[in-house]
N, C-alpha and C. Protein backbone atom coordinates (compact mmCIF):
# COMPACT_ATOMS: atom_id res chain seq x y z
N MET A 1 0.84 -1.69 -0.15
CA MET A 1 0.14 -0.19 -0.18
C MET A 1 1.26 1.30 -0.89
N LYS A 2 0.61 2.17 -1.17
CA LYS A 2 1.36 3.31 -0.84
C LYS A 2 0.72 4.31 -0.33
N PHE A 3 0.66 4.54 1.27
CA PHE A 3 0.77 6.13 2.55
C PHE A 3 0.78 6.80 2.51
N ASP A 4 2.06 7.01 1.12
CA ASP A 4 1.57 8.79 1.24
C ASP A 4 0.61 9.49 0.05
N ASP A 5 0.12 8.59 0.02
CA ASP A 5 -1.40 9.05 -1.18
C ASP A 5 -2.65 8.25 -0.11
N ILE A 6 -3.80 9.40 0.64
CA ILE A 6 -4.46 8.85 1.07
C ILE A 6 -5.55 8.72 0.74
N LYS A 7 -5.89 8.12 -0.99
CA LYS A 7 -6.71 7.99 -1.61
C LYS A 7 -6.65 6.52 -1.16
N TYR A 8 -6.06 6.01 -1.00
CA TYR A 8 -6.89 4.32 -0.34
C TYR A 8 -7.87 5.18 0.95
N LEU A 9 -8.07 5.93 1.56
CA LEU A 9 -8.44 6.27 3.22
C LEU A 9 -10.44 6.02 2.26
N GLN A 10 -10.91 6.28 1.55
CA GLN A 10 -12.25 6.64 0.60
C GLN A 10 -12.54 5.87 0.63
N PHE A 11 -11.88 3.82 0.60
CA PHE A 11 -12.35 2.85 0.41
C PHE A 11 -11.88 2.07 1.81
N GLY A 12 -11.63 3.10 2.93
CA GLY A 12 -11.33 1.89 4.30
C GLY A 12 -12.91 1.59 4.72
N ASN A 13 -12.44 1.49 5.61
CA ASN A 13 -13.74 1.28 6.66
C ASN A 13 -14.69 2.79 7.29
N THR A 14 -15.56 3.19 8.55
CA THR A 14 -16.03 4.15 8.78
C THR A 14 -15.04 5.38 8.92
N ARG A 15 -14.16 4.15 9.64
CA ARG A 15 -13.09 5.25 10.37
C ARG A 15 -12.60 5.87 9.10
N GLN A 16 -12.35 5.52 8.81
CA GLN A 16 -10.84 5.70 7.80
C GLN A 16 -11.83 6.24 6.34
N GLN A 17 -12.96 6.71 6.25
CA GLN A 17 -13.42 7.26 5.48
C GLN A 17 -13.39 9.00 6.22
N GLN A 18 -14.23 8.41 7.23
CA GLN A 18 -13.57 10.13 7.62
C GLN A 18 -13.04 10.94 7.33
N ALA A 19 -11.86 9.47 8.47
CA ALA A 19 -10.42 10.92 7.57
C ALA A 19 -10.23 11.16 6.54
N TYR A 20 -10.79 10.44 5.52
CA TYR A 20 -10.28 10.97 4.55
C TYR A 20 -11.27 11.92 4.53
N ALA A 21 -12.84 11.86 4.69
CA ALA A 21 -13.38 13.60 4.14
C ALA A 21 -12.39 14.38 5.40
N ALA A 22 -12.05 14.68 6.63
CA ALA A 22 -11.68 14.86 7.34
C ALA A 22 -10.24 16.30 6.38
N LEU A 23 -9.77 14.97 6.47
CA LEU A 23 -9.15 15.86 5.35
C LEU A 23 -8.85 16.46 4.44
N MET A 24 -9.56 15.85 4.06
CA MET A 24 -10.30 16.85 1.89
C MET A 24 -10.25 18.66 2.73
N ASN A 25 -11.98 17.87 3.45
CA ASN A 25 -12.82 18.54 3.71
C ASN A 25 -12.00 20.26 4.53
N ASN A 26 -11.25 20.08 5.53
CA ASN A 26 -10.48 20.63 5.66
C ASN A 26 -8.68 21.01 4.86
N LYS A 27 -8.60 20.73 3.42
CA LYS A 27 -7.92 20.56 3.01
C LYS A 27 -6.46 20.82 3.77
N ILE A 28 -6.15 19.84 5.01
CA ILE A 28 -5.12 19.88 6.00
C ILE A 28 -3.65 19.45 5.05
N LEU A 29 -4.02 18.65 3.76
CA LEU A 29 -3.09 17.67 4.11
C LEU A 29 -1.79 19.31 2.56
N SER A 30 -2.68 19.42 1.76
CA SER A 30 -2.86 20.92 0.67
C SER A 30 -2.09 22.06 1.21
N LYS A 31 -2.91 22.20 2.95
CA LYS A 31 -1.50 23.21 3.26
C LYS A 31 -0.33 22.96 3.90
N LEU A 32 -0.73 21.83 4.19
CA LEU A 32 0.86 21.33 4.53
C LEU A 32 2.44 20.11 3.51
N ILE A 33 1.92 21.03 1.47
CA ILE A 33 2.41 20.82 1.28
C ILE A 33 3.74 20.95 0.83
N LYS A 34 4.13 21.62 1.40
CA LYS A 34 5.52 21.52 1.24
C LYS A 34 6.48 21.02 2.10
N PHE A 35 6.01 20.32 3.37
CA PHE A 35 6.60 19.21 4.17
C PHE A 35 6.46 18.34 4.00
N ASN A 36 5.56 18.25 2.38
CA ASN A 36 5.33 16.23 2.53
C ASN A 36 4.77 16.06 3.50
N PRO A 37 3.36 15.32 3.41
CA PRO A 37 2.71 15.53 5.00
C PRO A 37 2.29 13.80 4.21
N ILE A 38 2.63 13.16 5.86
CA ILE A 38 1.99 11.62 5.24
C ILE A 38 0.47 11.44 6.81
N LEU A 39 0.36 11.07 6.49
CA LEU A 39 -1.01 10.71 7.53
C LEU A 39 0.08 9.13 7.81
N VAL A 40 0.06 9.01 9.23
CA VAL A 40 0.59 7.22 10.07
C VAL A 40 -0.50 7.74 11.05
N GLY A 41 0.29 6.36 11.88
CA GLY A 41 -0.53 5.79 13.28
C GLY A 41 -1.80 5.16 13.04
N THR A 42 -2.57 5.05 13.82
CA THR A 42 -3.85 3.29 13.85
C THR A 42 -4.19 3.99 12.94
N ILE A 43 -4.98 4.97 12.47
CA ILE A 43 -6.26 4.95 11.15
C ILE A 43 -5.48 4.48 10.45
N PRO A 44 -4.59 5.13 9.76
CA PRO A 44 -4.23 3.85 8.81
C PRO A 44 -4.37 3.12 8.18
N ILE A 45 -3.50 2.54 9.02
CA ILE A 45 -3.25 1.54 9.48
C ILE A 45 -4.77 0.21 9.49
N ASN A 46 -5.90 0.19 9.93
CA ASN A 46 -6.97 -0.33 10.37
C ASN A 46 -6.82 -0.88 12.39
N ILE A 47 -5.69 -0.29 13.01
CA ILE A 47 -5.68 -0.64 14.28
C ILE A 47 -6.07 0.87 15.51
N HIS A 48 -7.01 1.58 15.20
CA HIS A 48 -7.40 2.89 15.63
C HIS A 48 -7.90 2.32 17.22
N LEU A 49 -8.64 2.60 17.65
CA LEU A 49 -9.06 3.18 18.66
C LEU A 49 -10.72 3.92 19.16
N GLU A 50 -11.60 3.74 20.15
CA GLU A 50 -12.55 5.08 19.92
C GLU A 50 -12.04 6.49 19.89
N ASN A 51 -11.33 6.87 20.46
CA ASN A 51 -10.38 7.82 20.48
C ASN A 51 -9.51 7.87 20.02
N SER A 52 -8.41 7.35 19.17
CA SER A 52 -8.09 7.67 18.32
C SER A 52 -7.40 8.92 16.90
N ASP A 53 -6.85 9.45 17.12
CA ASP A 53 -6.54 10.93 15.84
C ASP A 53 -5.64 10.80 15.56
N LEU A 54 -5.39 11.13 14.24
CA LEU A 54 -5.23 11.32 13.05
C LEU A 54 -3.35 12.57 12.75
N ASP A 55 -3.13 11.42 12.86
CA ASP A 55 -0.91 12.06 13.15
C ASP A 55 -0.54 11.72 11.67
N ILE A 56 0.03 13.70 11.79
CA ILE A 56 0.14 13.76 10.05
C ILE A 56 1.99 13.91 10.61
N ILE A 57 3.13 13.52 10.14
CA ILE A 57 4.31 13.93 9.89
C ILE A 57 4.69 14.73 8.51
N CYS A 58 5.47 15.53 9.19
CA CYS A 58 6.28 16.26 8.51
C CYS A 58 7.91 16.04 7.92
N CYS A 59 8.54 17.30 7.20
CA CYS A 59 10.26 16.80 6.71
C CYS A 59 10.01 18.45 6.32
N PHE A 60 11.12 19.52 7.27
CA PHE A 60 11.03 20.45 7.36
C PHE A 60 12.66 20.56 6.71
N SER A 61 13.75 20.71 5.97
CA SER A 61 15.01 21.42 5.68
C SER A 61 14.92 22.63 5.21
């Protein structure tokens, strides 16, 4: 799976689809584009808990 492109979340479980919608509707990744954002954590790999949040790592040089 290519985790640097969140499109796969559209076809995931309900929580992953909600994460995709939140990121896209708020343009989070496009606002961070110059920092090469990648969604990480429990939601992308489908081991999240009820109170899991969205974790985004970025690169700055």
